[in-house]
């Protein structure tokens, strides 16, 4: 998998990436964190497909014991959990779950006719490090029907638990045509730097990788 470094990008490109993903130079990261102090990440619904069990593998593109890889576009998601003072939350529990590249959850209650992916279980339990950071590798989920004439935009569910607090939220994707009509998504969220629900953005021409990079903070 190809990678790139901040040093390979111009100042304009770094600022563009920072505006979309909330990550860039140390100075802009400090600025973004300052903007989040005192602002709680918006809550979202838990949804009907919270997984019965959660995997322990940060690479969701593979199922232990199976040789294949999940179908779909690979995402590398990095994030950070902060308290309302902007301080990192260590050892926070970060639960993630999502639909596969066809828009179906690996959950017995999901009756969507889209195919299951035997190489994708779609959930994981992560723990933040001393800086409140977490990361995982997954695939870009698809939108799926949520009732007559209604589609839910592609998203990844998060449930973040610290010692005293819990947050349920979702991460969305830039340019998804189902965002605006979605009853749960609020358009002004896209303008809030480093807050979930956050956009995930496809790399521009400066990227050497076809994989997407996403960043969000809770």
N, C-alpha and C. Protein backbone atom coordinates (compact mmCIF):
# COMPACT_ATOMS: atom_id res chain seq x y z
N UNK A 1 0.85 -1.19 0.00
CA UNK A 1 0.00 0.00 0.00
C UNK A 1 0.88 1.24 0.00
N UNK A 2 0.67 2.13 -0.91
CA UNK A 2 1.45 3.35 -0.99
C UNK A 2 1.11 4.28 0.16
N UNK A 3 2.09 5.07 0.58
CA UNK A 3 1.86 6.04 1.64
C UNK A 3 2.46 7.37 1.21
N UNK A 4 2.15 8.45 1.94
CA UNK A 4 2.75 9.73 1.68
C UNK A 4 3.00 10.40 3.02
N UNK A 5 3.84 11.42 3.02
CA UNK A 5 4.13 12.15 4.26
C UNK A 5 3.78 13.61 4.08
N UNK A 6 3.58 14.31 5.21
CA UNK A 6 3.26 15.73 5.16
C UNK A 6 4.36 16.49 4.44
N UNK A 7 5.60 16.04 4.57
CA UNK A 7 6.70 16.73 3.93
C UNK A 7 6.63 16.73 2.42
N UNK A 8 5.85 15.85 1.85
CA UNK A 8 5.71 15.77 0.40
C UNK A 8 4.71 16.78 -0.15
N UNK A 9 3.99 17.49 0.72
CA UNK A 9 2.90 18.35 0.27
C UNK A 9 3.28 19.82 0.40
N UNK A 10 2.70 20.65 -0.46
CA UNK A 10 2.90 22.09 -0.35
C UNK A 10 2.04 22.64 0.78
N UNK A 11 2.32 23.89 1.18
CA UNK A 11 1.53 24.51 2.25
C UNK A 11 0.06 24.59 1.86
N UNK A 12 -0.23 24.95 0.60
CA UNK A 12 -1.62 25.05 0.16
C UNK A 12 -2.30 23.70 0.25
N UNK A 13 -1.61 22.64 -0.15
CA UNK A 13 -2.19 21.30 -0.11
C UNK A 13 -2.43 20.85 1.33
N UNK A 14 -1.49 21.18 2.22
CA UNK A 14 -1.66 20.83 3.63
C UNK A 14 -2.88 21.52 4.21
N UNK A 15 -3.05 22.81 3.90
CA UNK A 15 -4.20 23.53 4.41
C UNK A 15 -5.50 22.98 3.85
N UNK A 16 -5.48 22.59 2.57
CA UNK A 16 -6.68 21.99 1.97
C UNK A 16 -7.02 20.68 2.67
N UNK A 17 -6.01 19.85 2.93
CA UNK A 17 -6.25 18.59 3.60
C UNK A 17 -6.72 18.82 5.02
N UNK A 18 -6.16 19.83 5.69
CA UNK A 18 -6.56 20.12 7.05
C UNK A 18 -8.02 20.53 7.12
N UNK A 19 -8.48 21.33 6.15
CA UNK A 19 -9.87 21.78 6.17
C UNK A 19 -10.83 20.63 6.00
N UNK A 20 -10.43 19.61 5.25
CA UNK A 20 -11.33 18.49 4.98
C UNK A 20 -11.22 17.43 6.06
N UNK A 21 -10.00 17.10 6.45
CA UNK A 21 -9.80 15.97 7.35
C UNK A 21 -9.49 16.37 8.78
N UNK A 22 -9.10 17.62 9.01
CA UNK A 22 -8.76 18.01 10.36
C UNK A 22 -7.39 17.54 10.78
N UNK A 23 -6.49 17.22 9.83
CA UNK A 23 -5.14 16.83 10.18
C UNK A 23 -4.17 17.57 9.27
N UNK A 24 -3.07 18.02 9.84
CA UNK A 24 -2.04 18.66 9.02
C UNK A 24 -0.83 18.92 9.89
N UNK A 25 -0.29 20.15 9.84
CA UNK A 25 0.88 20.47 10.62
C UNK A 25 0.53 20.56 12.09
N UNK A 26 1.56 20.58 12.94
CA UNK A 26 1.32 20.66 14.38
C UNK A 26 0.57 21.93 14.74
N UNK A 27 0.88 23.04 14.07
CA UNK A 27 0.21 24.30 14.38
C UNK A 27 -1.27 24.23 14.09
N UNK A 28 -1.64 23.70 12.91
CA UNK A 28 -3.07 23.63 12.57
C UNK A 28 -3.78 22.61 13.43
N UNK A 29 -3.07 21.55 13.87
CA UNK A 29 -3.69 20.58 14.76
C UNK A 29 -4.02 21.23 16.09
N UNK A 30 -3.09 22.05 16.63
CA UNK A 30 -3.36 22.75 17.89
C UNK A 30 -4.55 23.69 17.73
N UNK A 31 -4.63 24.36 16.58
CA UNK A 31 -5.76 25.25 16.33
C UNK A 31 -7.07 24.48 16.31
N UNK A 32 -7.07 23.32 15.62
CA UNK A 32 -8.30 22.52 15.53
C UNK A 32 -8.74 22.05 16.89
N UNK A 33 -7.78 21.62 17.72
CA UNK A 33 -8.12 21.16 19.08
C UNK A 33 -8.70 22.31 19.88
N UNK A 34 -8.12 23.51 19.73
CA UNK A 34 -8.63 24.67 20.46
C UNK A 34 -10.08 24.95 20.11
N UNK A 35 -10.45 24.70 18.83
CA UNK A 35 -11.83 24.95 18.41
C UNK A 35 -12.81 23.98 19.05
N UNK A 36 -12.32 22.80 19.48
CA UNK A 36 -13.22 21.79 20.01
C UNK A 36 -13.44 21.91 21.51
N UNK A 37 -12.62 22.73 22.19
CA UNK A 37 -12.72 22.83 23.65
C UNK A 37 -14.11 23.35 24.02
N UNK A 38 -14.76 22.64 24.91
CA UNK A 38 -16.08 23.04 25.38
C UNK A 38 -17.21 22.64 24.46
N UNK A 39 -16.91 21.99 23.33
CA UNK A 39 -17.95 21.57 22.39
C UNK A 39 -18.04 20.04 22.38
N UNK A 40 -19.16 19.53 22.78
CA UNK A 40 -19.34 18.08 22.76
C UNK A 40 -19.70 17.63 21.34
N UNK A 41 -19.13 16.54 20.91
CA UNK A 41 -19.46 15.97 19.61
C UNK A 41 -20.95 15.65 19.55
N UNK A 42 -21.62 15.98 18.46
CA UNK A 42 -23.06 15.70 18.35
C UNK A 42 -23.38 14.22 18.49
N UNK A 43 -24.44 13.93 19.20
CA UNK A 43 -24.90 12.55 19.35
C UNK A 43 -25.61 12.10 18.08
N UNK A 44 -25.56 10.81 17.83
CA UNK A 44 -26.30 10.18 16.75
C UNK A 44 -26.98 8.93 17.29
N UNK A 45 -27.91 8.38 16.50
CA UNK A 45 -28.62 7.18 16.94
C UNK A 45 -27.69 5.97 16.98
N UNK A 46 -27.97 5.04 17.88
CA UNK A 46 -27.22 3.79 17.94
C UNK A 46 -27.52 2.94 16.72
N UNK A 47 -28.76 2.98 16.26
CA UNK A 47 -29.16 2.18 15.10
C UNK A 47 -29.55 0.77 15.50
N UNK A 48 -30.21 0.06 14.60
CA UNK A 48 -30.72 -1.28 14.92
C UNK A 48 -29.71 -2.41 14.77
N UNK A 49 -28.50 -2.11 14.29
CA UNK A 49 -27.57 -3.19 13.94
C UNK A 49 -26.30 -3.16 14.78
N UNK A 50 -26.43 -2.76 16.04
CA UNK A 50 -25.28 -2.86 16.95
C UNK A 50 -24.88 -4.33 17.04
N UNK A 51 -23.60 -4.63 16.82
CA UNK A 51 -23.19 -6.04 16.69
C UNK A 51 -23.31 -6.84 17.97
N UNK A 52 -23.74 -8.10 17.88
CA UNK A 52 -23.82 -8.97 19.06
C UNK A 52 -22.45 -9.19 19.69
N UNK A 53 -21.42 -9.28 18.87
CA UNK A 53 -20.04 -9.40 19.34
C UNK A 53 -19.17 -8.46 18.52
N UNK A 54 -18.07 -8.03 19.12
CA UNK A 54 -17.16 -7.11 18.45
C UNK A 54 -15.80 -7.78 18.30
N UNK A 55 -15.22 -7.66 17.11
CA UNK A 55 -13.89 -8.20 16.90
C UNK A 55 -12.83 -7.39 17.62
N UNK A 56 -11.64 -7.95 17.75
CA UNK A 56 -10.54 -7.28 18.42
C UNK A 56 -9.45 -6.85 17.43
N UNK A 57 -9.72 -7.00 16.15
CA UNK A 57 -8.73 -6.75 15.12
C UNK A 57 -8.94 -5.36 14.52
N UNK A 58 -7.90 -4.53 14.52
CA UNK A 58 -8.01 -3.18 13.97
C UNK A 58 -8.02 -3.17 12.44
N UNK A 59 -7.76 -4.31 11.82
CA UNK A 59 -7.84 -4.43 10.37
C UNK A 59 -9.12 -5.17 10.02
N UNK A 60 -10.16 -4.40 9.67
CA UNK A 60 -11.46 -5.00 9.37
C UNK A 60 -11.53 -5.57 7.96
N UNK A 61 -10.48 -5.37 7.18
CA UNK A 61 -10.50 -5.87 5.80
C UNK A 61 -10.17 -7.37 5.74
N UNK A 62 -9.83 -7.95 6.87
CA UNK A 62 -9.53 -9.38 6.92
C UNK A 62 -10.25 -10.02 8.09
N UNK A 63 -10.65 -11.27 7.91
CA UNK A 63 -11.24 -12.06 8.99
C UNK A 63 -10.22 -13.10 9.41
N UNK A 64 -9.86 -13.16 10.69
CA UNK A 64 -8.86 -14.14 11.13
C UNK A 64 -9.23 -15.56 10.71
N UNK A 65 -8.26 -16.26 10.14
CA UNK A 65 -8.48 -17.64 9.71
C UNK A 65 -8.98 -17.77 8.29
N UNK A 66 -9.23 -16.65 7.61
CA UNK A 66 -9.69 -16.69 6.23
C UNK A 66 -8.67 -16.00 5.33
N UNK A 67 -8.40 -16.56 4.16
CA UNK A 67 -7.33 -16.01 3.31
C UNK A 67 -7.72 -14.78 2.51
N UNK A 68 -9.02 -14.53 2.31
CA UNK A 68 -9.45 -13.44 1.44
C UNK A 68 -9.42 -12.08 2.11
N UNK A 69 -9.68 -11.05 1.31
CA UNK A 69 -9.78 -9.69 1.80
C UNK A 69 -11.16 -9.13 1.46
N UNK A 70 -11.67 -8.26 2.31
CA UNK A 70 -12.99 -7.68 2.10
C UNK A 70 -13.05 -6.92 0.78
N UNK A 71 -14.18 -7.03 0.10
CA UNK A 71 -14.39 -6.28 -1.14
C UNK A 71 -14.60 -4.81 -0.82
N UNK A 72 -14.16 -3.94 -1.71
CA UNK A 72 -14.43 -2.52 -1.54
C UNK A 72 -13.18 -1.67 -1.47
N UNK A 73 -13.40 -0.37 -1.41
CA UNK A 73 -12.34 0.61 -1.35
C UNK A 73 -11.81 0.71 0.07
N UNK A 74 -10.50 0.57 0.23
CA UNK A 74 -9.89 0.54 1.56
C UNK A 74 -9.86 1.94 2.18
N UNK A 75 -10.20 2.01 3.48
CA UNK A 75 -10.10 3.25 4.26
C UNK A 75 -9.10 3.04 5.39
N UNK A 76 -8.28 4.04 5.65
CA UNK A 76 -7.43 4.08 6.83
C UNK A 76 -7.96 5.20 7.72
N UNK A 77 -8.58 4.87 8.83
CA UNK A 77 -9.22 5.86 9.68
C UNK A 77 -8.35 6.09 10.92
N UNK A 78 -8.02 7.34 11.17
CA UNK A 78 -7.28 7.71 12.36
C UNK A 78 -8.10 8.73 13.13
N UNK A 79 -8.04 8.70 14.44
CA UNK A 79 -8.83 9.61 15.23
C UNK A 79 -8.27 9.81 16.61
N UNK A 80 -8.89 10.69 17.35
CA UNK A 80 -8.44 11.02 18.69
C UNK A 80 -9.65 11.33 19.56
N UNK A 81 -9.63 10.85 20.78
CA UNK A 81 -10.70 11.12 21.74
C UNK A 81 -10.20 12.16 22.73
N UNK A 82 -10.93 13.27 22.83
CA UNK A 82 -10.56 14.38 23.71
C UNK A 82 -11.72 14.69 24.66
N UNK A 83 -11.39 15.20 25.84
CA UNK A 83 -12.45 15.67 26.73
C UNK A 83 -12.78 17.12 26.38
N UNK A 84 -13.70 17.72 27.12
CA UNK A 84 -14.16 19.07 26.79
C UNK A 84 -13.10 20.13 27.04
N UNK A 85 -12.01 19.77 27.72
CA UNK A 85 -10.88 20.68 27.91
C UNK A 85 -9.85 20.54 26.79
N UNK A 86 -10.09 19.62 25.86
CA UNK A 86 -9.14 19.38 24.80
C UNK A 86 -8.02 18.43 25.19
N UNK A 87 -8.17 17.75 26.32
CA UNK A 87 -7.15 16.82 26.80
C UNK A 87 -7.43 15.41 26.27
N UNK A 88 -6.38 14.64 25.96
CA UNK A 88 -6.60 13.28 25.46
C UNK A 88 -7.21 12.37 26.51
N UNK A 89 -8.09 11.49 26.06
CA UNK A 89 -8.70 10.49 26.96
C UNK A 89 -7.99 9.17 26.70
N UNK A 90 -7.22 8.73 27.68
CA UNK A 90 -6.46 7.48 27.54
C UNK A 90 -7.35 6.28 27.84
N UNK A 91 -7.06 5.20 27.17
CA UNK A 91 -7.74 3.91 27.43
C UNK A 91 -9.25 3.99 27.24
N UNK A 92 -9.71 4.91 26.41
CA UNK A 92 -11.14 4.95 26.09
C UNK A 92 -11.48 3.77 25.18
N UNK A 93 -12.66 3.26 25.33
CA UNK A 93 -13.14 2.16 24.49
C UNK A 93 -13.84 2.75 23.27
N UNK A 94 -13.39 2.36 22.09
CA UNK A 94 -13.97 2.85 20.83
C UNK A 94 -14.55 1.65 20.08
N UNK A 95 -15.87 1.58 20.03
CA UNK A 95 -16.55 0.50 19.31
C UNK A 95 -16.99 1.05 17.94
N UNK A 96 -16.70 0.29 16.90
CA UNK A 96 -17.07 0.71 15.55
C UNK A 96 -17.83 -0.42 14.86
N UNK A 97 -18.79 -0.06 14.03
CA UNK A 97 -19.49 -1.05 13.21
C UNK A 97 -20.07 -0.36 11.99
N UNK A 98 -20.28 -1.13 10.93
CA UNK A 98 -20.69 -0.54 9.66
C UNK A 98 -21.22 -1.59 8.70
N UNK A 99 -21.85 -1.12 7.63
CA UNK A 99 -22.27 -2.00 6.54
C UNK A 99 -21.07 -2.31 5.64
N UNK A 100 -21.22 -3.32 4.81
CA UNK A 100 -20.14 -3.67 3.88
C UNK A 100 -20.22 -2.81 2.61
N UNK A 101 -19.41 -3.13 1.63
CA UNK A 101 -19.36 -2.34 0.40
C UNK A 101 -20.64 -2.44 -0.42
N UNK A 102 -21.51 -3.41 -0.09
CA UNK A 102 -22.80 -3.56 -0.77
C UNK A 102 -23.94 -2.91 0.01
N UNK A 103 -23.65 -2.41 1.22
CA UNK A 103 -24.68 -1.77 2.02
C UNK A 103 -25.41 -2.70 2.98
N UNK A 104 -24.79 -3.82 3.36
CA UNK A 104 -25.43 -4.76 4.27
C UNK A 104 -24.56 -5.00 5.51
N UNK A 105 -25.23 -5.06 6.66
CA UNK A 105 -24.55 -5.35 7.92
C UNK A 105 -24.46 -6.87 8.13
N UNK A 106 -23.41 -7.30 8.80
CA UNK A 106 -23.30 -8.70 9.21
C UNK A 106 -24.05 -8.88 10.52
N UNK A 107 -25.35 -8.69 10.45
CA UNK A 107 -26.22 -8.73 11.64
C UNK A 107 -27.47 -9.52 11.29
N UNK A 108 -27.91 -10.39 12.18
CA UNK A 108 -29.07 -11.24 11.85
C UNK A 108 -30.36 -10.47 11.61
N UNK A 109 -30.45 -9.23 12.08
CA UNK A 109 -31.68 -8.45 11.89
C UNK A 109 -31.68 -7.63 10.61
N UNK A 110 -30.57 -7.64 9.88
CA UNK A 110 -30.52 -6.89 8.63
C UNK A 110 -31.05 -7.78 7.51
N UNK A 111 -32.23 -7.44 7.00
CA UNK A 111 -32.88 -8.23 5.95
C UNK A 111 -32.69 -7.63 4.56
N UNK A 112 -31.75 -6.73 4.45
CA UNK A 112 -31.40 -6.18 3.14
C UNK A 112 -31.02 -7.33 2.20
N UNK A 113 -31.45 -7.26 0.96
CA UNK A 113 -31.15 -8.33 0.00
C UNK A 113 -29.75 -8.21 -0.61
N UNK A 114 -29.03 -7.15 -0.27
CA UNK A 114 -27.65 -7.01 -0.76
C UNK A 114 -26.81 -8.16 -0.22
N UNK A 115 -25.76 -8.55 -0.93
CA UNK A 115 -24.96 -9.71 -0.49
C UNK A 115 -24.11 -9.43 0.75
N UNK A 116 -23.92 -10.48 1.54
CA UNK A 116 -22.95 -10.43 2.62
C UNK A 116 -21.55 -10.66 2.03
N UNK A 117 -20.55 -10.23 2.76
CA UNK A 117 -19.16 -10.46 2.37
C UNK A 117 -18.54 -11.39 3.40
N UNK A 118 -18.19 -12.62 3.03
CA UNK A 118 -17.62 -13.57 4.00
C UNK A 118 -16.28 -13.12 4.58
N UNK A 119 -15.65 -12.13 3.93
CA UNK A 119 -14.36 -11.64 4.41
C UNK A 119 -14.48 -10.31 5.16
N UNK A 120 -15.71 -9.98 5.56
CA UNK A 120 -15.92 -8.71 6.26
C UNK A 120 -16.97 -8.88 7.35
N UNK A 121 -16.54 -8.72 8.60
CA UNK A 121 -17.48 -8.81 9.73
C UNK A 121 -17.96 -7.44 10.17
N UNK A 122 -17.21 -6.40 9.83
CA UNK A 122 -17.71 -5.04 9.95
C UNK A 122 -17.78 -4.44 11.33
N UNK A 123 -17.00 -4.92 12.30
CA UNK A 123 -17.02 -4.31 13.62
C UNK A 123 -15.70 -4.56 14.32
N UNK A 124 -15.41 -3.72 15.31
CA UNK A 124 -14.18 -3.89 16.08
C UNK A 124 -14.30 -3.11 17.38
N UNK A 125 -13.52 -3.54 18.36
CA UNK A 125 -13.39 -2.85 19.64
C UNK A 125 -11.95 -2.39 19.75
N UNK A 126 -11.75 -1.08 19.86
CA UNK A 126 -10.41 -0.49 19.94
C UNK A 126 -10.23 0.21 21.27
N UNK A 127 -8.99 0.48 21.63
CA UNK A 127 -8.66 1.22 22.85
C UNK A 127 -7.70 2.34 22.49
N UNK A 128 -7.96 3.54 22.99
CA UNK A 128 -7.09 4.67 22.68
C UNK A 128 -5.77 4.56 23.42
N UNK A 129 -4.72 5.16 22.83
CA UNK A 129 -3.40 5.13 23.46
C UNK A 129 -3.26 6.31 24.43
N UNK A 130 -2.04 6.57 24.88
CA UNK A 130 -1.82 7.63 25.87
C UNK A 130 -2.14 9.01 25.35
N UNK A 131 -2.15 9.18 24.02
CA UNK A 131 -2.51 10.47 23.43
C UNK A 131 -3.97 10.52 22.99
N UNK A 132 -4.73 9.51 23.39
CA UNK A 132 -6.15 9.46 23.01
C UNK A 132 -6.39 9.04 21.58
N UNK A 133 -5.38 8.50 20.93
CA UNK A 133 -5.50 8.18 19.51
C UNK A 133 -5.95 6.74 19.28
N UNK A 134 -6.62 6.55 18.16
CA UNK A 134 -6.98 5.21 17.69
C UNK A 134 -6.86 5.21 16.18
N UNK A 135 -6.78 4.03 15.60
CA UNK A 135 -6.76 3.91 14.14
C UNK A 135 -7.26 2.53 13.76
N UNK A 136 -7.85 2.45 12.58
CA UNK A 136 -8.28 1.16 12.07
C UNK A 136 -8.35 1.20 10.55
N UNK A 137 -8.32 0.04 9.97
CA UNK A 137 -8.39 -0.12 8.53
C UNK A 137 -9.69 -0.83 8.19
N UNK A 138 -10.41 -0.30 7.23
CA UNK A 138 -11.70 -0.88 6.88
C UNK A 138 -11.98 -0.63 5.40
N UNK A 139 -13.21 -0.79 4.98
CA UNK A 139 -13.61 -0.47 3.61
C UNK A 139 -14.72 0.58 3.66
N UNK A 140 -14.87 1.28 2.57
CA UNK A 140 -15.91 2.30 2.50
C UNK A 140 -17.27 1.62 2.42
N UNK A 141 -18.16 1.87 3.39
CA UNK A 141 -19.49 1.26 3.34
C UNK A 141 -20.35 1.91 2.27
N UNK A 142 -21.39 1.22 1.88
CA UNK A 142 -22.33 1.76 0.91
C UNK A 142 -23.58 2.28 1.60
N UNK A 143 -24.28 3.18 0.93
CA UNK A 143 -25.60 3.58 1.39
C UNK A 143 -26.55 2.40 1.29
N UNK A 144 -27.66 2.45 2.04
CA UNK A 144 -28.59 1.31 2.01
C UNK A 144 -30.02 1.81 2.25
N UNK A 145 -31.01 1.05 1.80
CA UNK A 145 -32.41 1.47 1.99
C UNK A 145 -32.81 1.39 3.46
N UNK A 146 -33.55 2.42 3.90
CA UNK A 146 -34.00 2.48 5.29
C UNK A 146 -35.51 2.71 5.37
N UNK A 147 -36.21 2.29 4.34
CA UNK A 147 -37.65 2.46 4.29
C UNK A 147 -38.08 2.83 2.88
N UNK A 148 -39.38 2.96 2.65
CA UNK A 148 -39.87 3.31 1.32
C UNK A 148 -39.32 4.66 0.86
N UNK A 149 -38.68 4.66 -0.29
CA UNK A 149 -38.15 5.88 -0.90
C UNK A 149 -37.18 6.64 0.01
N UNK A 150 -36.45 5.89 0.85
CA UNK A 150 -35.50 6.55 1.75
C UNK A 150 -34.21 5.74 1.82
N UNK A 151 -33.10 6.43 1.68
CA UNK A 151 -31.78 5.80 1.77
C UNK A 151 -30.98 6.46 2.88
N UNK A 152 -30.26 5.65 3.61
CA UNK A 152 -29.30 6.20 4.57
C UNK A 152 -27.96 6.37 3.88
N UNK A 153 -27.31 7.54 4.05
CA UNK A 153 -26.00 7.73 3.44
C UNK A 153 -24.98 6.79 4.05
N UNK A 154 -23.89 6.57 3.34
CA UNK A 154 -22.81 5.73 3.88
C UNK A 154 -22.29 6.33 5.18
N UNK A 155 -22.03 5.49 6.16
CA UNK A 155 -21.56 5.98 7.46
C UNK A 155 -20.90 4.86 8.24
N UNK A 156 -20.12 5.24 9.21
CA UNK A 156 -19.52 4.30 10.17
C UNK A 156 -19.99 4.71 11.56
N UNK A 157 -20.49 3.74 12.32
CA UNK A 157 -20.95 4.00 13.68
C UNK A 157 -19.78 4.00 14.66
N UNK A 158 -19.86 4.89 15.65
CA UNK A 158 -18.89 4.94 16.74
C UNK A 158 -19.65 4.95 18.07
N UNK A 159 -19.17 4.17 19.01
CA UNK A 159 -19.60 4.31 20.41
C UNK A 159 -18.33 4.42 21.25
N UNK A 160 -18.14 5.58 21.86
CA UNK A 160 -16.92 5.87 22.59
C UNK A 160 -17.25 5.95 24.07
N UNK A 161 -16.53 5.18 24.88
CA UNK A 161 -16.80 5.13 26.32
C UNK A 161 -15.52 5.41 27.11
N UNK A 162 -15.60 6.40 27.99
CA UNK A 162 -14.52 6.67 28.93
C UNK A 162 -14.91 6.18 30.31
N UNK A 163 -14.23 6.69 31.31
CA UNK A 163 -14.55 6.25 32.68
C UNK A 163 -15.86 6.84 33.18
N UNK A 164 -16.24 8.03 32.65
CA UNK A 164 -17.41 8.71 33.17
C UNK A 164 -18.43 9.08 32.11
N UNK A 165 -18.15 8.85 30.88
CA UNK A 165 -19.04 9.34 29.83
C UNK A 165 -19.08 8.37 28.67
N UNK A 166 -20.13 8.51 27.86
CA UNK A 166 -20.30 7.67 26.67
C UNK A 166 -20.86 8.52 25.54
N UNK A 167 -20.39 8.29 24.33
CA UNK A 167 -20.85 9.01 23.15
C UNK A 167 -21.16 8.03 22.04
N UNK A 168 -22.33 8.21 21.40
CA UNK A 168 -22.69 7.45 20.21
C UNK A 168 -22.78 8.43 19.06
N UNK A 169 -22.05 8.18 17.97
CA UNK A 169 -22.05 9.10 16.85
C UNK A 169 -21.79 8.34 15.55
N UNK A 170 -21.68 9.06 14.44
CA UNK A 170 -21.44 8.44 13.13
C UNK A 170 -20.51 9.32 12.31
N UNK A 171 -19.76 8.69 11.41
CA UNK A 171 -18.89 9.41 10.49
C UNK A 171 -19.44 9.25 9.08
N UNK A 172 -19.51 10.38 8.34
CA UNK A 172 -20.08 10.39 7.00
C UNK A 172 -19.00 10.63 5.95
N UNK A 173 -19.42 10.65 4.67
CA UNK A 173 -18.48 10.73 3.57
C UNK A 173 -18.80 11.91 2.66
N UNK A 174 -17.77 12.66 2.35
CA UNK A 174 -17.90 13.83 1.50
C UNK A 174 -18.49 13.46 0.14
N UNK A 175 -19.46 14.27 -0.31
CA UNK A 175 -20.03 14.08 -1.63
C UNK A 175 -21.12 13.04 -1.74
N UNK A 176 -21.52 12.44 -0.63
CA UNK A 176 -22.57 11.43 -0.66
C UNK A 176 -23.90 12.09 -1.03
N UNK A 177 -24.57 11.66 -2.09
CA UNK A 177 -25.81 12.32 -2.51
C UNK A 177 -26.97 12.14 -1.53
N UNK A 178 -26.83 11.20 -0.60
CA UNK A 178 -27.93 10.94 0.34
C UNK A 178 -27.77 11.71 1.65
N UNK A 179 -26.73 12.56 1.77
CA UNK A 179 -26.53 13.30 3.01
C UNK A 179 -27.64 14.33 3.25
N UNK A 180 -27.89 15.17 2.30
CA UNK A 180 -28.84 16.27 2.51
C UNK A 180 -30.24 15.81 2.89
N UNK A 181 -30.81 14.79 2.24
CA UNK A 181 -32.16 14.38 2.63
C UNK A 181 -32.19 13.49 3.89
N UNK A 182 -31.05 13.12 4.44
CA UNK A 182 -31.04 12.21 5.58
C UNK A 182 -31.59 12.90 6.83
N UNK A 183 -32.47 12.25 7.55
CA UNK A 183 -33.11 12.87 8.71
C UNK A 183 -32.18 12.99 9.91
N UNK A 184 -31.08 12.24 9.91
CA UNK A 184 -30.18 12.26 11.05
C UNK A 184 -28.95 13.14 10.85
N UNK A 185 -28.59 13.41 9.60
CA UNK A 185 -27.41 14.23 9.33
C UNK A 185 -27.79 15.70 9.34
N UNK A 186 -26.92 16.54 9.94
CA UNK A 186 -27.15 17.98 9.98
C UNK A 186 -26.07 18.66 9.12
N UNK A 187 -26.46 19.42 8.09
CA UNK A 187 -25.47 19.98 7.17
C UNK A 187 -24.38 20.81 7.82
N UNK A 188 -24.70 21.53 8.93
CA UNK A 188 -23.68 22.41 9.53
C UNK A 188 -22.55 21.62 10.16
N UNK A 189 -22.73 20.30 10.38
CA UNK A 189 -21.64 19.51 10.96
C UNK A 189 -20.42 19.50 10.06
N UNK A 190 -20.61 19.59 8.75
CA UNK A 190 -19.49 19.50 7.82
C UNK A 190 -18.54 20.68 7.96
N UNK A 191 -18.97 21.75 8.62
CA UNK A 191 -18.13 22.93 8.77
C UNK A 191 -17.41 22.93 10.11
N UNK A 192 -17.57 21.91 10.92
CA UNK A 192 -16.95 21.88 12.24
C UNK A 192 -15.67 21.07 12.16
N UNK A 193 -14.56 21.71 12.35
CA UNK A 193 -13.26 21.05 12.20
C UNK A 193 -13.04 20.06 13.34
N UNK A 194 -12.57 18.88 12.97
CA UNK A 194 -12.14 17.86 13.93
C UNK A 194 -13.24 17.39 14.87
N UNK A 195 -14.48 17.49 14.45
CA UNK A 195 -15.56 16.97 15.28
C UNK A 195 -16.31 15.90 14.51
N UNK A 196 -16.69 14.83 15.20
CA UNK A 196 -17.57 13.84 14.60
C UNK A 196 -19.00 14.30 14.84
N UNK A 197 -19.94 13.99 13.97
CA UNK A 197 -19.73 13.28 12.71
C UNK A 197 -18.87 14.10 11.75
N UNK A 198 -17.94 13.47 11.10
CA UNK A 198 -16.97 14.15 10.25
C UNK A 198 -17.05 13.59 8.85
N UNK A 199 -16.59 14.37 7.90
CA UNK A 199 -16.46 13.87 6.55
C UNK A 199 -15.23 13.01 6.42
N UNK A 200 -15.33 12.03 5.55
CA UNK A 200 -14.16 11.28 5.11
C UNK A 200 -13.96 11.69 3.66
N UNK A 201 -12.74 12.02 3.28
CA UNK A 201 -12.51 12.60 1.96
C UNK A 201 -11.55 11.77 1.15
N UNK A 202 -11.84 11.63 -0.14
CA UNK A 202 -10.95 10.92 -1.04
C UNK A 202 -9.72 11.76 -1.31
N UNK A 203 -8.52 11.13 -1.37
CA UNK A 203 -7.31 11.89 -1.64
C UNK A 203 -7.39 12.63 -2.97
N UNK A 204 -6.79 13.82 -3.01
CA UNK A 204 -6.72 14.59 -4.25
C UNK A 204 -5.53 14.10 -5.07
N UNK A 205 -5.18 14.87 -6.09
CA UNK A 205 -4.15 14.41 -7.00
C UNK A 205 -2.78 14.30 -6.35
N UNK A 206 -2.59 14.98 -5.19
CA UNK A 206 -1.29 14.91 -4.54
C UNK A 206 -1.06 13.59 -3.82
N UNK A 207 -2.07 12.76 -3.67
CA UNK A 207 -1.88 11.51 -2.95
C UNK A 207 -1.26 10.45 -3.86
N UNK A 208 -0.38 9.63 -3.28
CA UNK A 208 0.20 8.53 -4.02
C UNK A 208 -0.57 7.24 -3.81
N UNK A 209 -1.65 7.32 -3.06
CA UNK A 209 -2.40 6.12 -2.73
C UNK A 209 -3.84 6.26 -3.19
N UNK A 210 -4.43 5.17 -3.63
CA UNK A 210 -5.85 5.18 -3.99
C UNK A 210 -6.73 5.03 -2.75
N UNK A 211 -6.13 4.60 -1.64
CA UNK A 211 -6.90 4.44 -0.42
C UNK A 211 -7.33 5.80 0.13
N UNK A 212 -8.45 5.81 0.82
CA UNK A 212 -8.92 7.03 1.45
C UNK A 212 -8.27 7.16 2.82
N UNK A 213 -8.13 8.41 3.27
CA UNK A 213 -7.66 8.67 4.63
C UNK A 213 -8.73 9.51 5.33
N UNK A 214 -9.09 9.10 6.52
CA UNK A 214 -10.14 9.77 7.26
C UNK A 214 -9.60 10.17 8.63
N UNK A 215 -10.07 11.27 9.14
CA UNK A 215 -9.68 11.69 10.48
C UNK A 215 -10.86 12.29 11.18
N UNK A 216 -11.03 11.95 12.43
CA UNK A 216 -12.14 12.48 13.20
C UNK A 216 -11.77 12.46 14.68
N UNK A 217 -12.36 13.35 15.45
CA UNK A 217 -12.13 13.36 16.88
C UNK A 217 -13.46 13.29 17.60
N UNK A 218 -13.48 12.65 18.75
CA UNK A 218 -14.69 12.53 19.55
C UNK A 218 -14.49 13.23 20.88
